[in-house]
Amino acid sequence: MRRLSPTLWKRGKAVNSEAYIGDLLQNIENGTVKLDSVKDEDLPADLRKLSLEARKQEVEKRLAERRTLRAEIVALSKQRDEFIAAERKKQGGSKQSGFDSAVGAALKEQISRKKAP
């Protein structure tokens, strides 16, 4: 059984750091594996039945789909960030009551108690 991949926080977003480990398409895209060198028995069933040229076309098609999806994810993430920033700006000087604010206030209080002699 494969263990679950750890999730990291980068720039306030959850990122699965091992999402594509062992992924054929990712390895081909990164240049760590060449499709010509992959044994037939190591290929997914749908690629095994294709000729080498048809495999290359199918892999390129799938990689193009991934690139499109990645671009959409980046664009949506940017829109989300802009929306959140605009909403926070709208709230202006009003005290935020969200979880992040509560945790931040609690941490500041704890730090100030530790600094005090």
Protein backbone atom coordinates (compact mmCIF):
# COMPACT_ATOMS: atom_id res chain seq x y z
CA MET A 1 0.00 0.00 0.00
CA ARG A 2 1.31 3.44 -0.92
CA ARG A 3 1.52 5.92 1.93
CA LEU A 4 -0.38 9.17 1.67
CA SER A 5 1.58 12.16 0.49
CA PRO A 6 2.32 14.93 2.97
CA THR A 7 0.70 18.29 2.47
CA LEU A 8 2.79 21.44 2.77
CA TRP A 9 1.73 25.05 3.09
CA LYS A 10 3.22 27.39 0.51
CA ARG A 11 2.05 30.99 0.33
CA GLY A 12 -1.02 30.12 2.36
CA LYS A 13 -2.11 27.25 0.12
CA ALA A 14 -2.02 23.53 0.69
CA VAL A 15 0.35 21.84 -1.77
CA ASN A 16 0.69 18.11 -2.08
CA SER A 17 4.45 17.83 -2.50
CA GLU A 18 4.46 14.21 -3.66
CA ALA A 19 1.35 14.21 -5.86
CA TYR A 20 3.20 13.14 -9.00
CA ILE A 21 5.94 10.87 -7.66
CA GLY A 22 6.07 7.82 -9.89
CA ASP A 23 3.73 9.42 -12.43
CA LEU A 24 4.74 8.51 -15.98
CA LEU A 25 3.48 11.71 -17.58
CA GLN A 26 5.19 13.89 -15.01
CA ASN A 27 8.46 12.01 -15.42
CA ILE A 28 8.27 12.38 -19.21
CA GLU A 29 7.48 16.08 -18.89
CA ASN A 30 10.42 16.57 -16.49
CA GLY A 31 12.72 14.70 -18.84
CA THR A 32 13.62 12.07 -16.24
CA VAL A 33 12.05 9.30 -18.37
CA LYS A 34 11.85 8.83 -22.11
CA LEU A 35 8.76 7.10 -23.46
CA ASP A 36 10.95 5.00 -25.78
CA SER A 37 12.75 3.50 -22.78
CA VAL A 38 9.63 2.43 -20.85
CA LYS A 39 8.93 -1.31 -21.09
CA ASP A 40 5.52 -2.28 -22.46
CA GLU A 41 4.63 -4.10 -19.24
CA ASP A 42 5.27 -0.89 -17.26
CA LEU A 43 2.80 1.11 -19.35
CA PRO A 44 -0.88 1.54 -18.53
CA ALA A 45 -3.11 -0.90 -20.44
CA ASP A 46 -4.52 1.78 -22.72
CA LEU A 47 -1.03 2.79 -23.91
CA ARG A 48 0.27 -0.79 -24.30
CA LYS A 49 -1.99 -1.50 -27.23
CA LEU A 50 -0.81 1.58 -29.18
CA SER A 51 2.13 1.80 -31.56
CA LEU A 52 5.11 3.87 -30.41
CA GLU A 53 4.09 6.82 -32.58
CA ALA A 54 0.47 6.66 -31.34
CA ARG A 55 1.77 6.45 -27.76
CA LYS A 56 3.83 9.59 -28.26
CA GLN A 57 0.80 11.41 -29.64
CA GLU A 58 -1.41 10.23 -26.77
CA VAL A 59 1.18 11.22 -24.15
CA GLU A 60 1.58 14.66 -25.74
CA LYS A 61 -2.22 15.06 -25.79
CA ARG A 62 -2.43 14.18 -22.09
CA LEU A 63 0.44 16.52 -21.23
CA ALA A 64 -1.30 19.33 -23.12
CA GLU A 65 -4.47 18.66 -21.09
CA ARG A 66 -2.45 18.85 -17.87
CA ARG A 67 -0.84 22.12 -18.91
CA THR A 68 -4.28 23.57 -19.65
CA LEU A 69 -5.60 22.43 -16.28
CA ARG A 70 -2.57 23.85 -14.48
CA ALA A 71 -3.07 27.20 -16.19
CA GLU A 72 -6.73 27.20 -15.15
CA ILE A 73 -5.79 26.36 -11.56
CA VAL A 74 -3.24 29.19 -11.46
CA ALA A 75 -5.76 31.66 -12.92
CA LEU A 76 -8.49 30.62 -10.48
CA SER A 77 -6.07 30.79 -7.57
CA LYS A 78 -5.07 34.30 -8.59
CA GLN A 79 -8.74 35.32 -8.86
CA ARG A 80 -9.38 33.86 -5.41
CA ASP A 81 -6.45 35.74 -3.90
CA GLU A 82 -7.60 38.99 -5.51
CA PHE A 83 -11.15 38.45 -4.26
CA ILE A 84 -9.98 37.76 -0.71
CA ALA A 85 -7.71 40.83 -0.77
CA ALA A 86 -10.61 42.99 -2.01
CA GLU A 87 -12.94 41.64 0.66
CA ARG A 88 -10.38 42.30 3.38
CA LYS A 89 -9.90 45.81 2.06
CA LYS A 90 -13.68 46.36 2.13
CA GLN A 91 -13.72 45.38 5.79
CA GLY A 92 -11.10 48.07 6.29
CA GLY A 93 -10.57 49.09 9.88
CA SER A 94 -13.23 46.79 11.28
CA LYS A 95 -11.81 44.19 13.59
CA GLN A 96 -11.54 40.84 11.85
CA SER A 97 -13.08 37.98 13.79
CA GLY A 98 -11.82 35.09 11.68
CA PHE A 99 -9.85 32.11 12.86
CA ASP A 100 -6.55 33.54 11.59
CA SER A 101 -7.10 36.74 13.55
CA ALA A 102 -7.95 34.83 16.73
CA VAL A 103 -4.85 32.64 16.44
CA GLY A 104 -2.68 35.66 15.66
CA ALA A 105 -3.99 37.54 18.71
CA ALA A 106 -3.45 34.51 20.95
CA LEU A 107 0.14 34.11 19.71
CA LYS A 108 0.91 37.80 20.24
CA GLU A 109 -0.42 37.56 23.78
CA GLN A 110 1.67 34.46 24.54
CA ILE A 111 4.80 36.04 23.09
CA SER A 112 4.31 39.23 25.10
CA ARG A 113 3.92 37.18 28.31
CA LYS A 114 7.16 35.33 27.60
CA LYS A 115 9.06 38.56 26.94
CA ALA A 116 7.84 40.21 30.13
CA PRO A 117 10.24 39.63 33.07
